[in-house]
PDB file of N, CA and C in Angstrom:
ATOM      1  N   MET A   1     104.932  88.596 123.543  1.00  0.00           N
ATOM      2  CA  MET A   1     104.477  87.665 122.529  1.00  0.00           C
ATOM      3  C   MET A   1     104.306  88.276 121.213  1.00  0.00           C
ATOM      4  N   ARG A   2     104.819  87.654 120.096  1.00  0.00           N
ATOM      5  CA  ARG A   2     104.684  88.297 118.835  1.00  0.00           C
ATOM      6  C   ARG A   2     103.364  87.753 118.107  1.00  0.00           C
ATOM      7  N   LYS A   3     102.429  88.665 118.123  1.00  0.00           N
ATOM      8  CA  LYS A   3     101.054  88.176 117.592  1.00  0.00           C
ATOM      9  C   LYS A   3     100.581  88.976 116.320  1.00  0.00           C
ATOM     10  N   TRP A   4     101.278  90.047 115.984  1.00  0.00           N
ATOM     11  CA  TRP A   4     100.769  90.830 114.879  1.00  0.00           C
ATOM     12  C   TRP A   4     101.562  90.577 113.624  1.00  0.00           C
ATOM     13  N   VAL A   5     100.837  90.581 112.503  1.00  0.00           N
ATOM     14  CA  VAL A   5     101.382  90.389 111.198  1.00  0.00           C
ATOM     15  C   VAL A   5     101.076  91.687 110.490  1.00  0.00           C
ATOM     16  N   VAL A   6     102.026  92.447 110.000  1.00  0.00           N
ATOM     17  CA  VAL A   6     101.816  93.796 109.519  1.00  0.00           C
ATOM     18  C   VAL A   6     102.175  93.711 107.925  1.00  0.00           C
ATOM     19  N   GLY A   7     101.022  94.069 107.259  1.00  0.00           N
ATOM     20  CA  GLY A   7     101.259  94.170 105.796  1.00  0.00           C
ATOM     21  C   GLY A   7     101.533  95.637 105.467  1.00  0.00           C
ATOM     22  N   ILE A   8     102.595  95.873 104.563  1.00  0.00           N
ATOM     23  CA  ILE A   8     102.945  97.283 104.226  1.00  0.00           C
ATOM     24  C   ILE A   8     102.975  97.390 102.705  1.00  0.00           C
ATOM     25  N   GLY A   9     102.344  98.575 102.218  1.00  0.00           N
ATOM     26  CA  GLY A   9     102.503  99.037 100.886  1.00  0.00           C
ATOM     27  C   GLY A   9     103.051 100.474 100.977  1.00  0.00           C
ATOM     28  N   CYS A  10     103.983 100.707 100.140  1.00  0.00           N
ATOM     29  CA  CYS A  10     104.566 102.165 100.218  1.00  0.00           C
ATOM     30  C   CYS A  10     105.147 102.621  98.891  1.00  0.00           C
ATOM     31  N   ARG A  11     105.282 103.900  98.894  1.00  0.00           N
ATOM     32  CA  ARG A  11     105.934 104.427  97.673  1.00  0.00           C
ATOM     33  C   ARG A  11     107.393 104.104  97.768  1.00  0.00           C
ATOM     34  N   ARG A  12     108.177 103.936  96.750  1.00  0.00           N
ATOM     35  CA  ARG A  12     109.585 103.606  96.818  1.00  0.00           C
ATOM     36  C   ARG A  12     110.512 104.706  97.490  1.00  0.00           C
ATOM     37  N   ASP A  13     109.930 105.965  97.531  1.00  0.00           N
ATOM     38  CA  ASP A  13     110.795 107.027  97.990  1.00  0.00           C
ATOM     39  C   ASP A  13     110.504 107.294  99.487  1.00  0.00           C
ATOM     40  N   VAL A  14     109.765 106.525 100.230  1.00  0.00           N
ATOM     41  CA  VAL A  14     109.492 106.833 101.530  1.00  0.00           C
ATOM     42  C   VAL A  14     110.718 106.486 102.405  1.00  0.00           C
ATOM     43  N   SER A  15     110.784 107.143 103.594  1.00  0.00           N
ATOM     44  CA  SER A  15     111.872 106.880 104.603  1.00  0.00           C
ATOM     45  C   SER A  15     111.521 105.781 105.538  1.00  0.00           C
ATOM     46  N   ALA A  16     112.504 105.241 106.182  1.00  0.00           N
ATOM     47  CA  ALA A  16     112.278 104.221 107.292  1.00  0.00           C
ATOM     48  C   ALA A  16     111.485 104.899 108.362  1.00  0.00           C
ATOM     49  N   GLN A  17     111.676 106.227 108.645  1.00  0.00           N
ATOM     50  CA  GLN A  17     110.938 106.910 109.725  1.00  0.00           C
ATOM     51  C   GLN A  17     109.455 107.101 109.257  1.00  0.00           C
ATOM     52  N   GLN A  18     109.178 107.236 108.005  1.00  0.00           N
ATOM     53  CA  GLN A  18     107.817 107.232 107.545  1.00  0.00           C
ATOM     54  C   GLN A  18     107.033 105.963 107.731  1.00  0.00           C
ATOM     55  N   ILE A  19     107.878 104.849 107.476  1.00  0.00           N
ATOM     56  CA  ILE A  19     107.287 103.499 107.749  1.00  0.00           C
ATOM     57  C   ILE A  19     107.069 103.363 109.279  1.00  0.00           C
ATOM     58  N   SER A  20     108.073 103.658 109.945  1.00  0.00           N
ATOM     59  CA  SER A  20     107.856 103.489 111.420  1.00  0.00           C
ATOM     60  C   SER A  20     106.741 104.280 111.979  1.00  0.00           C
ATOM     61  N   ALA A  21     106.534 105.496 111.529  1.00  0.00           N
ATOM     62  CA  ALA A  21     105.413 106.260 111.957  1.00  0.00           C
ATOM     63  C   ALA A  21     104.028 105.643 111.604  1.00  0.00           C
ATOM     64  N   ALA A  22     103.966 105.174 110.451  1.00  0.00           N
ATOM     65  CA  ALA A  22     102.756 104.541 109.995  1.00  0.00           C
ATOM     66  C   ALA A  22     102.434 103.201 110.751  1.00  0.00           C
ATOM     67  N   VAL A  23     103.487 102.347 111.009  1.00  0.00           N
ATOM     68  CA  VAL A  23     103.388 101.230 111.632  1.00  0.00           C
ATOM     69  C   VAL A  23     102.892 101.459 113.089  1.00  0.00           C
ATOM     70  N   THR A  24     103.606 102.381 113.718  1.00  0.00           N
ATOM     71  CA  THR A  24     103.309 102.726 115.152  1.00  0.00           C
ATOM     72  C   THR A  24     101.938 103.278 115.299  1.00  0.00           C
ATOM     73  N   GLY A  25     101.465 104.177 114.241  1.00  0.00           N
ATOM     74  CA  GLY A  25     100.082 104.626 114.341  1.00  0.00           C
ATOM     75  C   GLY A  25      99.089 103.573 114.120  1.00  0.00           C
ATOM     76  N   ALA A  26      99.312 102.551 113.244  1.00  0.00           N
ATOM     77  CA  ALA A  26      98.353 101.505 113.166  1.00  0.00           C
ATOM     78  C   ALA A  26      98.331 100.646 114.401  1.00  0.00           C
ATOM     79  N   LEU A  27      99.501 100.347 114.898  1.00  0.00           N
ATOM     80  CA  LEU A  27      99.550  99.530 116.159  1.00  0.00           C
ATOM     81  C   LEU A  27      98.791 100.185 117.388  1.00  0.00           C
ATOM     82  N   ALA A  28      98.837 101.570 117.364  1.00  0.00           N
ATOM     83  CA  ALA A  28      98.162 102.232 118.493  1.00  0.00           C
ATOM     84  C   ALA A  28      96.766 101.832 118.471  1.00  0.00           C
ATOM     85  N   ALA A  29      96.139 101.642 117.431  1.00  0.00           N
ATOM     86  CA  ALA A  29      94.708 101.348 117.360  1.00  0.00           C
ATOM     87  C   ALA A  29      94.387  99.979 118.048  1.00  0.00           C
ATOM     88  N   VAL A  30      95.278  99.132 118.209  1.00  0.00           N
ATOM     89  CA  VAL A  30      95.128  97.743 118.807  1.00  0.00           C
ATOM     90  C   VAL A  30      95.921  97.756 120.153  1.00  0.00           C
ATOM     91  N   ASP A  31      96.364  98.823 120.675  1.00  0.00           N
ATOM     92  CA  ASP A  31      97.238  98.917 121.833  1.00  0.00           C
ATOM     93  C   ASP A  31      98.448  98.007 121.685  1.00  0.00           C
ATOM     94  N   GLY A  32      99.046  98.028 120.513  1.00  0.00           N
ATOM     95  CA  GLY A  32     100.205  97.178 120.177  1.00  0.00           C
ATOM     96  C   GLY A  32     101.426  97.961 120.093  1.00  0.00           C
ATOM     97  N   VAL A  33     102.594  97.326 120.138  1.00  0.00           N
ATOM     98  CA  VAL A  33     103.968  97.921 120.068  1.00  0.00           C
ATOM     99  C   VAL A  33     104.685  97.075 119.005  1.00  0.00           C
ATOM    100  N   ILE A  34     105.772  97.671 118.439  1.00  0.00           N
ATOM    101  CA  ILE A  34     106.581  96.981 117.422  1.00  0.00           C
ATOM    102  C   ILE A  34     107.140  95.689 117.823  1.00  0.00           C
ATOM    103  N   GLU A  35     107.434  95.589 119.141  1.00  0.00           N
ATOM    104  CA  GLU A  35     107.961  94.364 119.753  1.00  0.00           C
ATOM    105  C   GLU A  35     106.960  93.144 119.585  1.00  0.00           C
ATOM    106  N   GLN A  36     105.702  93.483 119.341  1.00  0.00           N
ATOM    107  CA  GLN A  36     104.716  92.432 119.183  1.00  0.00           C
ATOM    108  C   GLN A  36     104.490  91.894 117.786  1.00  0.00           C
ATOM    109  N   ILE A  37     105.253  92.475 116.898  1.00  0.00           N
ATOM    110  CA  ILE A  37     105.157  92.042 115.454  1.00  0.00           C
ATOM    111  C   ILE A  37     105.864  90.822 115.170  1.00  0.00           C
ATOM    112  N   ALA A  38     105.219  89.801 114.531  1.00  0.00           N
ATOM    113  CA  ALA A  38     105.881  88.606 114.149  1.00  0.00           C
ATOM    114  C   ALA A  38     106.514  88.645 112.813  1.00  0.00           C
ATOM    115  N   VAL A  39     105.883  89.391 111.916  1.00  0.00           N
ATOM    116  CA  VAL A  39     106.490  89.526 110.525  1.00  0.00           C
ATOM    117  C   VAL A  39     105.908  90.738 109.777  1.00  0.00           C
ATOM    118  N   ILE A  40     106.680  91.184 108.873  1.00  0.00           N
ATOM    119  CA  ILE A  40     106.257  92.230 107.955  1.00  0.00           C
ATOM    120  C   ILE A  40     106.084  91.609 106.653  1.00  0.00           C
ATOM    121  N   ALA A  41     104.990  91.892 105.929  1.00  0.00           N
ATOM    122  CA  ALA A  41     104.743  91.295 104.632  1.00  0.00           C
ATOM    123  C   ALA A  41     104.371  92.519 103.566  1.00  0.00           C
ATOM    124  N   THR A  42     104.854  92.145 102.358  1.00  0.00           N
ATOM    125  CA  THR A  42     104.561  93.081 101.307  1.00  0.00           C
ATOM    126  C   THR A  42     104.542  92.378  99.922  1.00  0.00           C
ATOM    127  N   LEU A  43     104.393  93.092  98.886  1.00  0.00           N
ATOM    128  CA  LEU A  43     104.413  92.586  97.582  1.00  0.00           C
ATOM    129  C   LEU A  43     105.918  92.203  97.278  1.00  0.00           C
ATOM    130  N   ASP A  44     106.004  91.091  96.611  1.00  0.00           N
ATOM    131  CA  ASP A  44     107.548  90.717  96.339  1.00  0.00           C
ATOM    132  C   ASP A  44     108.351  91.756  95.547  1.00  0.00           C
ATOM    133  N   SER A  45     107.741  92.506  94.809  1.00  0.00           N
ATOM    134  CA  SER A  45     108.422  93.508  94.001  1.00  0.00           C
ATOM    135  C   SER A  45     108.876  94.663  94.863  1.00  0.00           C
ATOM    136  N   LYS A  46     108.341  94.739  96.075  1.00  0.00           N
ATOM    137  CA  LYS A  46     108.768  95.884  97.010  1.00  0.00           C
ATOM    138  C   LYS A  46     109.821  95.385  98.110  1.00  0.00           C
ATOM    139  N   LEU A  47     110.228  94.134  97.964  1.00  0.00           N
ATOM    140  CA  LEU A  47     111.229  93.584  98.957  1.00  0.00           C
ATOM    141  C   LEU A  47     112.531  94.312  99.001  1.00  0.00           C
ATOM    142  N   ALA A  48     112.846  94.972  97.962  1.00  0.00           N
ATOM    143  CA  ALA A  48     114.245  95.705  97.851  1.00  0.00           C
ATOM    144  C   ALA A  48     114.042  97.202  98.224  1.00  0.00           C
ATOM    145  N   THR A  49     112.834  97.595  98.610  1.00  0.00           N
ATOM    146  CA  THR A  49     112.669  98.992  98.962  1.00  0.00           C
ATOM    147  C   THR A  49     113.495  99.414 100.167  1.00  0.00           C
ATOM    148  N   PRO A  50     114.585 100.274 100.022  1.00  0.00           N
ATOM    149  CA  PRO A  50     115.534 100.561 100.959  1.00  0.00           C
ATOM    150  C   PRO A  50     114.903 100.945 102.406  1.00  0.00           C
ATOM    151  N   ALA A  51     113.900 101.699 102.417  1.00  0.00           N
ATOM    152  CA  ALA A  51     113.342 102.080 103.803  1.00  0.00           C
ATOM    153  C   ALA A  51     112.633 100.863 104.468  1.00  0.00           C
ATOM    154  N   LEU A  52     111.996 100.042 103.683  1.00  0.00           N
ATOM    155  CA  LEU A  52     111.463  98.820 104.300  1.00  0.00           C
ATOM    156  C   LEU A  52     112.488  97.905 104.810  1.00  0.00           C
ATOM    157  N   LEU A  53     113.557  97.726 104.106  1.00  0.00           N
ATOM    158  CA  LEU A  53     114.670  96.933 104.455  1.00  0.00           C
ATOM    159  C   LEU A  53     115.269  97.531 105.779  1.00  0.00           C
ATOM    160  N   GLN A  54     115.425  98.814 105.797  1.00  0.00           N
ATOM    161  CA  GLN A  54     116.025  99.467 106.953  1.00  0.00           C
ATOM    162  C   GLN A  54     115.082  99.280 108.225  1.00  0.00           C
ATOM    163  N   PHE A  55     113.881  99.480 108.065  1.00  0.00           N
ATOM    164  CA  PHE A  55     112.865  99.330 109.066  1.00  0.00           C
ATOM    165  C   PHE A  55     112.914  97.945 109.678  1.00  0.00           C
ATOM    166  N   CYS A  56     112.875  96.957 108.892  1.00  0.00           N
ATOM    167  CA  CYS A  56     112.992  95.521 109.312  1.00  0.00           C
ATOM    168  C   CYS A  56     114.285  95.233 109.990  1.00  0.00           C
ATOM    169  N   THR A  57     115.378  95.705 109.417  1.00  0.00           N
ATOM    170  CA  THR A  57     116.602  95.465 110.019  1.00  0.00           C
ATOM    171  C   THR A  57     116.776  96.176 111.411  1.00  0.00           C
ATOM    172  N   THR A  58     116.307  97.347 111.562  1.00  0.00           N
ATOM    173  CA  THR A  58     116.407  98.030 112.809  1.00  0.00           C
ATOM    174  C   THR A  58     115.688  97.362 113.927  1.00  0.00           C
ATOM    175  N   HIS A  59     114.458  96.784 113.466  1.00  0.00           N
ATOM    176  CA  HIS A  59     113.678  96.150 114.525  1.00  0.00           C
ATOM    177  C   HIS A  59     113.743  94.622 114.524  1.00  0.00           C
ATOM    178  N   ALA A  60     114.724  94.024 113.807  1.00  0.00           N
ATOM    179  CA  ALA A  60     114.993  92.552 113.641  1.00  0.00           C
ATOM    180  C   ALA A  60     113.672  91.821 113.266  1.00  0.00           C
ATOM    181  N   LEU A  61     112.947  92.397 112.288  1.00  0.00           N
ATOM    182  CA  LEU A  61     111.761  91.733 111.814  1.00  0.00           C
ATOM    183  C   LEU A  61     111.937  90.969 110.547  1.00  0.00           C
ATOM    184  N   PRO A  62     111.425  89.756 110.398  1.00  0.00           N
ATOM    185  CA  PRO A  62     111.490  89.157 109.160  1.00  0.00           C
ATOM    186  C   PRO A  62     110.589  89.850 108.069  1.00  0.00           C
ATOM    187  N   LEU A  63     111.021  89.815 106.878  1.00  0.00           N
ATOM    188  CA  LEU A  63     110.227  90.470 105.817  1.00  0.00           C
ATOM    189  C   LEU A  63     109.913  89.388 104.743  1.00  0.00           C
ATOM    190  N   HIS A  64     108.639  89.232 104.539  1.00  0.00           N
ATOM    191  CA  HIS A  64     108.139  88.232 103.531  1.00  0.00           C
ATOM    192  C   HIS A  64     107.448  88.885 102.348  1.00  0.00           C
ATOM    193  N   GLY A  65     107.700  88.426 101.160  1.00  0.00           N
ATOM    194  CA  GLY A  65     107.052  88.921  99.993  1.00  0.00           C
ATOM    195  C   GLY A  65     106.067  87.943  99.398  1.00  0.00           C
ATOM    196  N   PHE A  66     105.025  88.531  98.787  1.00  0.00           N
ATOM    197  CA  PHE A  66     103.989  87.700  98.090  1.00  0.00           C
ATOM    198  C   PHE A  66     103.914  88.199  96.727  1.00  0.00           C
ATOM    199  N   SER A  67     103.668  87.221  95.848  1.00  0.00           N
ATOM    200  CA  SER A  67     103.585  87.458  94.376  1.00  0.00           C
ATOM    201  C   SER A  67     102.204  88.041  94.026  1.00  0.00           C
ATOM    202  N   VAL A  68     102.148  88.609  92.861  1.00  0.00           N
ATOM    203  CA  VAL A  68     100.937  89.096  92.343  1.00  0.00           C
ATOM    204  C   VAL A  68      99.874  87.950  92.249  1.00  0.00           C
ATOM    205  N   ALA A  69     100.279  86.749  91.845  1.00  0.00           N
ATOM    206  CA  ALA A  69      99.504  85.622  91.654  1.00  0.00           C
ATOM    207  C   ALA A  69      98.947  85.143  93.044  1.00  0.00           C
ATOM    208  N   GLN A  70      99.792  85.253  94.000  1.00  0.00           N
ATOM    209  CA  GLN A  70      99.311  84.754  95.341  1.00  0.00           C
ATOM    210  C   GLN A  70      98.222  85.782  95.863  1.00  0.00           C
ATOM    211  N   ILE A  71      98.443  87.056  95.604  1.00  0.00           N
ATOM    212  CA  ILE A  71      97.466  87.984  96.069  1.00  0.00           C
ATOM    213  C   ILE A  71      96.218  87.902  95.354  1.00  0.00           C
ATOM    214  N   ASN A  72      96.234  87.753  93.923  1.00  0.00           N
ATOM    215  CA  ASN A  72      95.170  87.669  93.093  1.00  0.00           C
ATOM    216  C   ASN A  72      94.320  86.405  93.372  1.00  0.00           C
ATOM    217  N   ALA A  73      94.929  85.398  93.914  1.00  0.00           N
ATOM    218  CA  ALA A  73      94.171  84.164  94.188  1.00  0.00           C
ATOM    219  C   ALA A  73      93.308  84.275  95.452  1.00  0.00           C
ATOM    220  N   LEU A  74      93.468  85.221  96.284  1.00  0.00           N
ATOM    221  CA  LEU A  74      92.699  85.510  97.423  1.00  0.00           C
ATOM    222  C   LEU A  74      91.371  86.035  97.074  1.00  0.00           C
ATOM    223  N   PRO A  75      90.198  85.664  97.803  1.00  0.00           N
ATOM    224  CA  PRO A  75      88.956  86.365  97.539  1.00  0.00           C
ATOM    225  C   PRO A  75      89.141  87.801  98.175  1.00  0.00           C
ATOM    226  N   VAL A  76      88.675  88.711  97.510  1.00  0.00           N
ATOM    227  CA  VAL A  76      88.781  90.208  97.967  1.00  0.00           C
ATOM    228  C   VAL A  76      87.822  90.398  99.019  1.00  0.00           C
ATOM    229  N   THR A  77      88.303  90.558 100.213  1.00  0.00           N
ATOM    230  CA  THR A  77      87.538  90.822 101.451  1.00  0.00           C
ATOM    231  C   THR A  77      87.850  92.239 102.005  1.00  0.00           C
ATOM    232  N   TRP A  78      88.667  92.951 101.308  1.00  0.00           N
ATOM    233  CA  TRP A  78      88.974  94.328 101.682  1.00  0.00           C
ATOM    234  C   TRP A  78      88.452  95.277 100.592  1.00  0.00           C
ATOM    235  N   THR A  79      88.584  96.547 100.854  1.00  0.00           N
ATOM    236  CA  THR A  79      88.218  97.556  99.804  1.00  0.00           C
ATOM    237  C   THR A  79      89.297  97.573  98.792  1.00  0.00           C
ATOM    238  N   PRO A  80      89.010  97.230  97.546  1.00  0.00           N
ATOM    239  CA  PRO A  80      90.122  97.193  96.550  1.00  0.00           C
ATOM    240  C   PRO A  80      90.609  98.686  96.327  1.00  0.00           C
ATOM    241  N   SER A  81      91.910  98.733  96.084  1.00  0.00           N
ATOM    242  CA  SER A  81      92.653  99.921  95.720  1.00  0.00           C
ATOM    243  C   SER A  81      92.757 100.084  94.184  1.00  0.00           C
ATOM    244  N   ALA A  82      92.177 101.090  93.594  1.00  0.00           N
ATOM    245  CA  ALA A  82      92.274 101.331  92.225  1.00  0.00           C
ATOM    246  C   ALA A  82      93.696 101.667  91.778  1.00  0.00           C
ATOM    247  N   ALA A  83      94.432 102.391  92.696  1.00  0.00           N
ATOM    248  CA  ALA A  83      95.735 102.715  92.454  1.00  0.00           C
ATOM    249  C   ALA A  83      96.712 101.411  92.350  1.00  0.00           C
ATOM    250  N   ALA A  84      96.515 100.591  93.332  1.00  0.00           N
ATOM    251  CA  ALA A  84      97.201  99.282  93.309  1.00  0.00           C
ATOM    252  C   ALA A  84      97.024  98.487  92.169  1.00  0.00           C
ATOM    253  N   GLN A  85      95.773  98.415  91.723  1.00  0.00           N
ATOM    254  CA  GLN A  85      95.310  97.628  90.553  1.00  0.00           C
ATOM    255  C   GLN A  85      96.035  98.256  89.280  1.00  0.00           C
ATOM    256  N   ALA A  86      95.952  99.550  89.197  1.00  0.00           N
ATOM    257  CA  ALA A  86      96.529 100.217  87.974  1.00  0.00           C
ATOM    258  C   ALA A  86      97.977 100.064  87.907  1.00  0.00           C
ATOM    259  N   GLN A  87      98.665 100.244  89.041  1.00  0.00           N
ATOM    260  CA  GLN A  87     100.144 100.258  89.015  1.00  0.00           C
ATOM    261  C   GLN A  87     100.758  99.002  89.194  1.00  0.00           C
ATOM    262  N   LEU A  88     100.149  98.061  89.959  1.00  0.00           N
ATOM    263  CA  LEU A  88     100.778  96.824  90.399  1.00  0.00           C
ATOM    264  C   LEU A  88     100.041  95.543  89.887  1.00  0.00           C
ATOM    265  N   GLY A  89      98.913  95.654  89.409  1.00  0.00           N
ATOM    266  CA  GLY A  89      98.116  94.557  89.097  1.00  0.00           C
ATOM    267  C   GLY A  89      97.424  93.775  90.164  1.00  0.00           C
ATOM    268  N   VAL A  90      97.278  94.359  91.294  1.00  0.00           N
ATOM    269  CA  VAL A  90      96.655  93.602  92.394  1.00  0.00           C
ATOM    270  C   VAL A  90      95.646  94.608  92.984  1.00  0.00           C
ATOM    271  N   SER A  91      94.609  93.957  93.737  1.00  0.00           N
ATOM    272  CA  SER A  91      93.542  94.842  94.310  1.00  0.00           C
ATOM    273  C   SER A  91      93.962  95.480  95.629  1.00  0.00           C
ATOM    274  N   GLY A  92      95.143  95.203  96.111  1.00  0.00           N
ATOM    275  CA  GLY A  92      95.659  95.796  97.438  1.00  0.00           C
ATOM    276  C   GLY A  92      96.919  95.212  97.674  1.00  0.00           C
ATOM    277  N   VAL A  93      97.740  95.829  98.587  1.00  0.00           N
ATOM    278  CA  VAL A  93      98.988  95.312  98.969  1.00  0.00           C
ATOM    279  C   VAL A  93      98.949  95.023 100.442  1.00  0.00           C
ATOM    280  N   SER A  94      98.734  95.933 101.310  1.00  0.00           N
ATOM    281  CA  SER A  94      98.876  95.772 102.809  1.00  0.00           C
ATOM    282  C   SER A  94      97.942  94.716 103.305  1.00  0.00           C
ATOM    283  N   GLU A  95      96.665  94.860 102.956  1.00  0.00           N
ATOM    284  CA  GLU A  95      95.593  93.857 103.470  1.00  0.00           C
ATOM    285  C   GLU A  95      95.842  92.420 102.945  1.00  0.00           C
ATOM    286  N   PRO A  96      96.009  92.196 101.738  1.00  0.00           N
ATOM    287  CA  PRO A  96      96.132  90.782 101.286  1.00  0.00           C
ATOM    288  C   PRO A  96      97.556  90.182 101.783  1.00  0.00           C
ATOM    289  N   CYS A  97      98.599  91.035 101.805  1.00  0.00           N
ATOM    290  CA  CYS A  97      99.847  90.528 102.361  1.00  0.00           C
ATOM    291  C   CYS A  97      99.731  90.203 103.825  1.00  0.00           C
ATOM    292  N   ALA A  98      98.974  91.022 104.566  1.00  0.00           N
ATOM    293  CA  ALA A  98      98.901  90.677 105.999  1.00  0.00           C
ATOM    294  C   ALA A  98      98.142  89.387 106.143  1.00  0.00           C
ATOM    295  N   LEU A  99      97.106  89.239 105.410  1.00  0.00           N
ATOM    296  CA  LEU A  99      96.304  87.959 105.489  1.00  0.00           C
ATOM    297  C   LEU A  99      97.066  86.786 105.045  1.00  0.00           C
ATOM    298  N   LEU A 100      97.776  86.928 103.958  1.00  0.00           N
ATOM    299  CA  LEU A 100      98.642  85.742 103.553  1.00  0.00           C
ATOM    300  C   LEU A 100      99.683  85.391 104.616  1.00  0.00           C
ATOM    301  N   ALA A 101     100.360  86.399 105.151  1.00  0.00           N
ATOM    302  CA  ALA A 101     101.339  86.009 106.194  1.00  0.00           C
ATOM    303  C   ALA A 101     100.734  85.570 107.474  1.00  0.00           C
ATOM    304  N   ALA A 102      99.534  85.886 107.781  1.00  0.00           N
ATOM    305  CA  ALA A 102      98.883  85.521 108.997  1.00  0.00           C
ATOM    306  C   ALA A 102      98.488  84.011 109.050  1.00  0.00           C
ATOM    307  N   ALA A 103      98.385  83.453 107.879  1.00  0.00           N
ATOM    308  CA  ALA A 103      98.068  82.071 107.765  1.00  0.00           C
ATOM    309  C   ALA A 103      96.818  81.635 108.454  1.00  0.00           C
ATOM    310  N   GLY A 104      95.756  82.223 108.119  1.00  0.00           N
ATOM    311  CA  GLY A 104      94.512  81.907 108.800  1.00  0.00           C
ATOM    312  C   GLY A 104      94.063  82.822 109.913  1.00  0.00           C
ATOM    313  N   GLY A 105      94.858  83.947 110.126  1.00  0.00           N
ATOM    314  CA  GLY A 105      94.504  84.865 111.095  1.00  0.00           C
ATOM    315  C   GLY A 105      93.547  85.836 110.505  1.00  0.00           C
ATOM    316  N   ALA A 106      93.099  86.779 111.311  1.00  0.00           N
ATOM    317  CA  ALA A 106      92.066  87.710 110.972  1.00  0.00           C
ATOM    318  C   ALA A 106      92.625  89.180 110.821  1.00  0.00           C
ATOM    319  N   LEU A 107      92.109  89.869 109.907  1.00  0.00           N
ATOM    320  CA  LEU A 107      92.511  91.315 109.729  1.00  0.00           C
ATOM    321  C   LEU A 107      91.858  92.100 110.830  1.00  0.00           C
ATOM    322  N   VAL A 108      92.669  92.862 111.569  1.00  0.00           N
ATOM    323  CA  VAL A 108      92.110  93.681 112.715  1.00  0.00           C
ATOM    324  C   VAL A 108      92.201  95.271 112.356  1.00  0.00           C
ATOM    325  N   ILE A 109      93.183  95.566 111.556  1.00  0.00           N
ATOM    326  CA  ILE A 109      93.264  96.950 111.075  1.00  0.00           C
ATOM    327  C   ILE A 109      93.275  96.863 109.550  1.00  0.00           C
ATOM    328  N   PRO A 110      92.212  97.158 108.892  1.00  0.00           N
ATOM    329  CA  PRO A 110      92.138  96.878 107.452  1.00  0.00           C
ATOM    330  C   PRO A 110      93.067  97.863 106.611  1.00  0.00           C
ATOM    331  N   ARG A 111      93.070  99.038 106.819  1.00  0.00           N
ATOM    332  CA  ARG A 111      93.975  99.969 106.028  1.00  0.00           C
ATOM    333  C   ARG A 111      94.226 101.233 106.847  1.00  0.00           C
ATOM    334  N   PHE A 112      95.468 101.428 107.123  1.00  0.00           N
ATOM    335  CA  PHE A 112      95.838 102.697 107.840  1.00  0.00           C
ATOM    336  C   PHE A 112      96.864 103.390 106.968  1.00  0.00           C
ATOM    337  N   ARG A 113      96.561 104.632 106.568  1.00  0.00           N
ATOM    338  CA  ARG A 113      97.398 105.348 105.641  1.00  0.00           C
ATOM    339  C   ARG A 113      98.054 106.556 106.283  1.00  0.00           C
ATOM    340  N   LEU A 114      99.390 106.628 106.032  1.00  0.00           N
ATOM    341  CA  LEU A 114     100.060 107.872 106.621  1.00  0.00           C
ATOM    342  C   LEU A 114     101.265 108.145 105.799  1.00  0.00           C
ATOM    343  N   ASP A 115     101.351 109.328 105.145  1.00  0.00           N
ATOM    344  CA  ASP A 115     102.467 109.841 104.529  1.00  0.00           C
ATOM    345  C   ASP A 115     103.147 108.851 103.544  1.00  0.00           C
ATOM    346  N   GLY A 116     102.342 108.348 102.566  1.00  0.00           N
ATOM    347  CA  GLY A 116     102.911 107.443 101.551  1.00  0.00           C
ATOM    348  C   GLY A 116     103.082 106.059 101.955  1.00  0.00           C
ATOM    349  N   VAL A 117     102.503 105.714 103.108  1.00  0.00           N
ATOM    350  CA  VAL A 117     102.651 104.304 103.607  1.00  0.00           C
ATOM    351  C   VAL A 117     101.393 103.717 103.994  1.00  0.00           C
ATOM    352  N   THR A 118     100.952 102.588 103.536  1.00  0.00           N
ATOM    353  CA  THR A 118      99.757 101.911 103.931  1.00  0.00           C
ATOM    354  C   THR A 118      99.999 100.672 104.744  1.00  0.00           C
ATOM    355  N   VAL A 119      99.362 100.551 105.817  1.00  0.00           N
ATOM    356  CA  VAL A 119      99.529  99.450 106.747  1.00  0.00           C
ATOM    357  C   VAL A 119      98.246  98.695 107.027  1.00  0.00           C
ATOM    358  N   ALA A 120      98.237  97.396 107.101  1.00  0.00           N
ATOM    359  CA  ALA A 120      97.202  96.675 107.583  1.00  0.00           C
ATOM    360  C   ALA A 120      97.759  95.671 108.613  1.00  0.00           C
ATOM    361  N   ILE A 121      96.953  95.267 109.574  1.00  0.00           N
ATOM    362  CA  ILE A 121      97.368  94.480 110.668  1.00  0.00           C
ATOM    363  C   ILE A 121      96.459  93.297 110.795  1.00  0.00           C
ATOM    364  N   ALA A 122      97.140  92.142 110.824  1.00  0.00           N
ATOM    365  CA  ALA A 122      96.300  90.912 111.104  1.00  0.00           C
ATOM    366  C   ALA A 122      96.865  90.170 112.339  1.00  0.00           C
ATOM    367  N   GLN A 123      95.957  89.470 113.064  1.00  0.00           N
ATOM    368  CA  GLN A 123      96.351  88.652 114.108  1.00  0.00           C
ATOM    369  C   GLN A 123      96.805  87.271 113.573  1.00  0.00           C
ATOM    370  N   THR A 124      97.880  86.773 114.124  1.00  0.00           N
ATOM    371  CA  THR A 124      98.313  85.495 113.578  1.00  0.00           C
ATOM    372  C   THR A 124      97.318  84.374 113.924  1.00  0.00           C
ATOM    373  N   GLY A 125      97.247  83.455 113.053  1.00  0.00           N
ATOM    374  CA  GLY A 125      96.383  82.329 113.233  1.00  0.00           C
ATOM    375  C   GLY A 125      96.645  81.415 114.375  1.00  0.00           C
ATOM    376  N   SER A 126      97.837  81.614 114.953  1.00  0.00           N
ATOM    377  CA  SER A 126      98.227  80.724 116.068  1.00  0.00           C
ATOM    378  C   SER A 126      97.948  81.291 117.494  1.00  0.00           C
ATOM    379  N   THR A 127      97.311  82.416 117.523  1.00  0.00           N
ATOM    380  CA  THR A 127      97.092  83.022 118.876  1.00  0.00           C
ATOM    381  C   THR A 127      95.608  82.918 119.197  1.00  0.00           C
TER     382      THR A 127
END
């Protein structure tokens, strides 16, 4: 069953292996595996990041992007990121993108950082 929504924020120069390691690390905290991911979500300006595209293609995962306006319309229920605010104009990437893609689901892993990649996991609203 695909029940996890994974929000990802990353530096543009990360590798698909770095993304995979971060996602796997975050999933371990919920006894999850990549095959249980329903969708990967990120900021729309990161949709063309080569490593993110490669990771999603390798694992046959849909990739959805959300705009700055969509993220900024959410009430901030996560710890804001000063770096994301300064560089991207949003209070976070992984957490709000996971929440937006989960469509009513709950955040279960708020922020997991590893080697230039930040991952947040939400449970889908339909499970």
